[in-house]
Amino acid sequence: MLGLELFTAGTDTTTSTVEWAMAELVKNKKVMFKVREELKNEIKTRTVVESEVSNLPYLNACIKETLRLHPPAPFLLPHRAVQTCEVMGYTVPRGAQILVNIWAIGRDPKLWEDPLLFKPERFLGSNLDFGGQDFEFIPFGAGRRMCPGLHSGVKSVQTILASLILRFDWLLPNDEDPVNLDMNEKFGVFLQKKKPLQLIFKDLK
């Protein structure tokens, strides 16, 4: 049963992240162009293999920026205070349930310049990573209870996105302007687009 729960959680978070990443890339044409140029320069075949995707800094910066703005799980699993303590002037009683709002941290103007803009460049040359040591960026949590599927999830998103972008051009239906793409969110256990993304693809030869 535990294996099934892990598989389901990993599938939902991966598909949600890919959908948000594609939405941001379609909406931001210059970013999409840069990702595609990187892929063309680094991947010489039409088939993307997992071993190649780690060496794509701009694609990986786009994934990090997607996870900053749209973390698949907006709240960390509830924790409980093992003893009464004081945090930033607030008393947290023993046994209190604690929720960490990853979504709000990723959009905090005290931590991020232009926090609502999709700017993958902020991660280029940066040491910020998924490992749970940088508390302004913890899409997979931190400490002993961080997501056990971190590495497989990131690899899956990298490979899927690289394959989709390298092989196909992506357009909105009815010649809609990408600038007007609906980016509203639907909060739940996982963060999803309120209006599912619909795209038309054209094969890139």
Protein backbone atom coordinates (compact mmCIF):
# COMPACT_ATOMS: atom_id res chain seq x y z
CA MET A 1 0.00 0.00 0.00
CA LEU A 2 2.87 2.37 0.86
CA GLY A 3 4.46 1.69 -2.53
CA LEU A 4 1.21 2.59 -4.28
CA GLU A 5 0.95 5.86 -2.32
CA LEU A 6 4.53 6.79 -3.22
CA PHE A 7 3.94 6.00 -6.90
CA THR A 8 0.73 8.05 -6.99
CA ALA A 9 2.32 11.01 -5.23
CA GLY A 10 5.33 10.92 -7.56
CA THR A 11 3.16 10.73 -10.68
CA ASP A 12 0.90 13.64 -9.70
CA THR A 13 3.75 15.95 -8.72
CA THR A 14 5.75 15.16 -11.87
CA THR A 15 2.85 15.79 -14.26
CA SER A 16 1.90 18.98 -12.39
CA THR A 17 5.47 20.31 -12.62
CA VAL A 18 5.72 19.51 -16.34
CA GLU A 19 2.40 21.25 -17.00
CA TRP A 20 3.47 24.40 -15.09
CA ALA A 21 6.88 24.43 -16.78
CA MET A 22 5.33 24.15 -20.25
CA ALA A 23 2.85 26.91 -19.41
CA GLU A 24 5.64 29.23 -18.29
CA LEU A 25 7.78 28.44 -21.34
CA VAL A 26 4.93 28.96 -23.80
CA LYS A 27 4.08 32.22 -22.07
CA ASN A 28 7.71 33.39 -22.15
CA LYS A 29 8.86 32.95 -25.76
CA LYS A 30 12.40 34.24 -25.19
CA VAL A 31 12.96 31.68 -22.45
CA MET A 32 11.58 28.89 -24.66
CA PHE A 33 13.95 29.96 -27.45
CA LYS A 34 16.97 29.84 -25.12
CA VAL A 35 16.03 26.39 -23.83
CA ARG A 36 15.58 25.04 -27.35
CA GLU A 37 18.92 26.48 -28.50
CA GLU A 38 20.68 24.86 -25.53
CA LEU A 39 19.07 21.53 -26.35
CA LYS A 40 20.02 21.75 -30.02
CA ASN A 41 23.62 22.54 -29.13
CA GLU A 42 24.02 19.84 -26.49
CA ILE A 43 21.86 16.95 -27.70
CA LYS A 44 22.79 15.63 -31.13
CA THR A 45 19.98 13.11 -31.61
CA ARG A 46 16.20 13.37 -31.46
CA THR A 47 16.09 11.04 -28.47
CA VAL A 48 16.92 12.46 -25.06
CA VAL A 49 18.56 10.10 -22.60
CA GLU A 50 18.64 10.63 -18.85
CA SER A 51 22.43 10.92 -18.65
CA GLU A 52 22.40 14.05 -20.85
CA VAL A 53 19.95 16.24 -18.96
CA SER A 54 22.15 17.12 -15.99
CA ASN A 55 24.46 19.11 -18.29
CA LEU A 56 21.77 21.57 -19.41
CA PRO A 57 22.11 24.55 -17.06
CA TYR A 58 19.41 26.73 -18.61
CA LEU A 59 16.82 23.93 -18.76
CA ASN A 60 17.57 23.08 -15.15
CA ALA A 61 17.30 26.75 -14.15
CA CYS A 62 13.85 26.78 -15.78
CA ILE A 63 12.82 23.74 -13.73
CA LYS A 64 14.04 25.36 -10.51
CA GLU A 65 12.21 28.57 -11.35
CA THR A 66 9.04 26.56 -12.05
CA LEU A 67 9.33 24.84 -8.68
CA ARG A 68 9.92 28.18 -6.95
CA LEU A 69 6.72 29.68 -8.35
CA HIS A 70 4.63 26.52 -8.53
CA PRO A 71 5.79 23.97 -5.92
CA PRO A 72 3.82 20.75 -6.51
CA ALA A 73 3.01 20.49 -2.80
CA PRO A 74 2.43 24.07 -1.55
CA PHE A 75 2.60 22.99 2.11
CA LEU A 76 5.04 20.59 3.70
CA LEU A 77 3.47 17.64 5.45
CA PRO A 78 2.37 18.73 8.95
CA HIS A 79 4.98 18.61 11.69
CA ARG A 80 4.39 18.80 15.43
CA ALA A 81 6.39 20.80 17.95
CA VAL A 82 8.10 18.36 20.31
CA GLN A 83 8.36 21.06 22.98
CA THR A 84 7.21 24.61 23.59
CA CYS A 85 9.54 27.10 21.93
CA GLU A 86 9.70 30.65 20.67
CA VAL A 87 10.26 31.42 16.98
CA MET A 88 10.65 35.03 15.83
CA GLY A 89 8.72 36.31 18.82
CA TYR A 90 5.90 33.76 18.53
CA THR A 91 5.33 31.08 21.15
CA VAL A 92 4.77 27.65 19.61
CA PRO A 93 3.20 25.33 22.20
CA ARG A 94 4.24 21.72 22.58
CA GLY A 95 2.19 19.45 20.29
CA ALA A 96 1.16 22.27 17.94
CA GLN A 97 0.73 21.26 14.30
CA ILE A 98 3.07 23.23 12.05
CA LEU A 99 2.62 23.85 8.32
CA VAL A 100 5.44 25.28 6.22
CA ASN A 101 4.10 27.40 3.34
CA ILE A 102 6.57 26.66 0.52
CA TRP A 103 4.43 28.59 -1.97
CA ALA A 104 4.69 31.80 0.08
CA ILE A 105 8.43 31.38 0.69
CA GLY A 106 9.04 31.13 -3.07
CA ARG A 107 7.22 34.45 -3.62
CA ASP A 108 8.60 36.41 -0.67
CA PRO A 109 9.96 39.79 -1.92
CA LYS A 110 12.41 39.79 1.01
CA LEU A 111 14.06 36.71 -0.46
CA TRP A 112 13.57 37.10 -4.21
CA GLU A 113 13.95 40.02 -6.59
CA ASP A 114 10.85 40.40 -8.79
CA PRO A 115 9.34 37.34 -7.09
CA LEU A 116 6.30 37.01 -9.36
CA LEU A 117 8.29 37.04 -12.62
CA PHE A 118 9.50 33.86 -14.30
CA LYS A 119 13.26 34.51 -14.46
CA PRO A 120 15.33 31.30 -14.78
CA GLU A 121 18.47 33.44 -14.95
CA ARG A 122 18.26 33.94 -11.18
CA PHE A 123 19.44 30.34 -10.78
CA LEU A 124 22.34 30.51 -13.27
CA GLY A 125 25.61 30.58 -11.36
CA SER A 126 23.69 30.12 -8.12
CA ASN A 127 24.36 27.42 -5.54
CA LEU A 128 20.67 27.16 -4.63
CA ASP A 129 19.63 23.55 -5.01
CA PHE A 130 16.90 21.06 -4.08
CA GLY A 131 18.86 19.44 -1.25
CA GLY A 132 17.00 21.10 1.60
CA GLN A 133 19.94 23.19 2.82
CA ASP A 134 18.73 26.48 1.30
CA PHE A 135 15.56 27.33 3.19
CA GLU A 136 14.41 29.99 0.72
CA PHE A 137 14.05 27.18 -1.85
CA ILE A 138 12.69 23.90 -0.47
CA PRO A 139 10.18 22.51 -3.01
CA PHE A 140 10.97 18.99 -1.77
CA GLY A 141 11.14 19.87 1.91
CA ALA A 142 14.20 19.58 4.13
CA GLY A 143 15.71 17.36 6.79
CA ARG A 144 14.90 13.73 7.49
CA ARG A 145 11.34 14.02 6.18
CA MET A 146 12.11 15.58 2.81
CA CYS A 147 10.63 13.97 -0.31
CA PRO A 148 12.22 10.53 -0.92
CA GLY A 149 11.50 10.83 -4.63
CA LEU A 150 13.56 14.00 -5.14
CA HIS A 151 16.18 12.61 -7.51
CA SER A 152 13.89 10.40 -9.59
CA GLY A 153 11.29 13.20 -9.80
CA VAL A 154 13.79 15.80 -11.00
CA LYS A 155 15.28 13.39 -13.56
CA SER A 156 11.82 12.58 -14.90
CA VAL A 157 10.90 16.26 -15.30
CA GLN A 158 14.25 17.04 -16.94
CA THR A 159 13.92 14.22 -19.46
CA ILE A 160 10.25 14.83 -20.28
CA LEU A 161 10.69 18.58 -20.78
CA ALA A 162 13.85 18.17 -22.85
CA SER A 163 12.08 15.67 -25.12
CA LEU A 164 8.97 17.83 -25.56
CA ILE A 165 10.92 21.00 -26.36
CA LEU A 166 13.60 19.44 -28.56
CA ARG A 167 11.18 17.61 -30.85
CA PHE A 168 8.11 19.84 -31.00
CA ASP A 169 6.97 23.43 -31.33
CA TRP A 170 4.09 24.33 -29.01
CA LEU A 171 1.21 26.69 -29.72
CA LEU A 172 -2.00 27.70 -27.99
CA PRO A 173 -5.31 26.75 -29.67
CA ASN A 174 -7.07 29.30 -31.89
CA ASP A 175 -3.92 31.42 -32.22
CA GLU A 176 -4.35 32.71 -28.67
CA ASP A 177 -1.74 35.17 -27.46
CA PRO A 178 0.54 33.40 -24.93
CA VAL A 179 0.78 36.62 -22.94
CA ASN A 180 -2.85 36.12 -21.94
CA LEU A 181 -2.42 32.50 -20.87
CA ASP A 182 -4.45 31.80 -17.71
CA MET A 183 -1.97 31.05 -14.89
CA ASN A 184 -4.47 30.89 -12.03
CA GLU A 185 -3.88 28.14 -9.51
CA LYS A 186 -6.08 25.57 -7.83
CA PHE A 187 -4.90 24.73 -4.35
CA GLY A 188 -5.26 21.25 -2.93
CA VAL A 189 -2.91 18.49 -1.84
CA PHE A 190 -1.04 19.33 -5.05
CA LEU A 191 -0.84 22.72 -6.75
CA GLN A 192 -2.54 22.53 -10.15
CA LYS A 193 -3.52 24.93 -12.89
CA LYS A 194 -7.12 26.02 -12.40
CA LYS A 195 -7.62 25.78 -16.16
CA PRO A 196 -5.70 22.77 -17.55
CA LEU A 197 -3.11 23.62 -20.17
CA GLN A 198 -4.12 22.88 -23.76
CA LEU A 199 -1.46 23.05 -26.47
CA ILE A 200 -1.06 22.17 -30.14
CA PHE A 201 2.25 20.66 -31.17
CA LYS A 202 4.11 20.73 -34.48
CA ASP A 203 6.96 18.41 -35.28
CA LEU A 204 10.35 20.15 -35.53
CA LYS A 205 12.36 18.60 -38.33
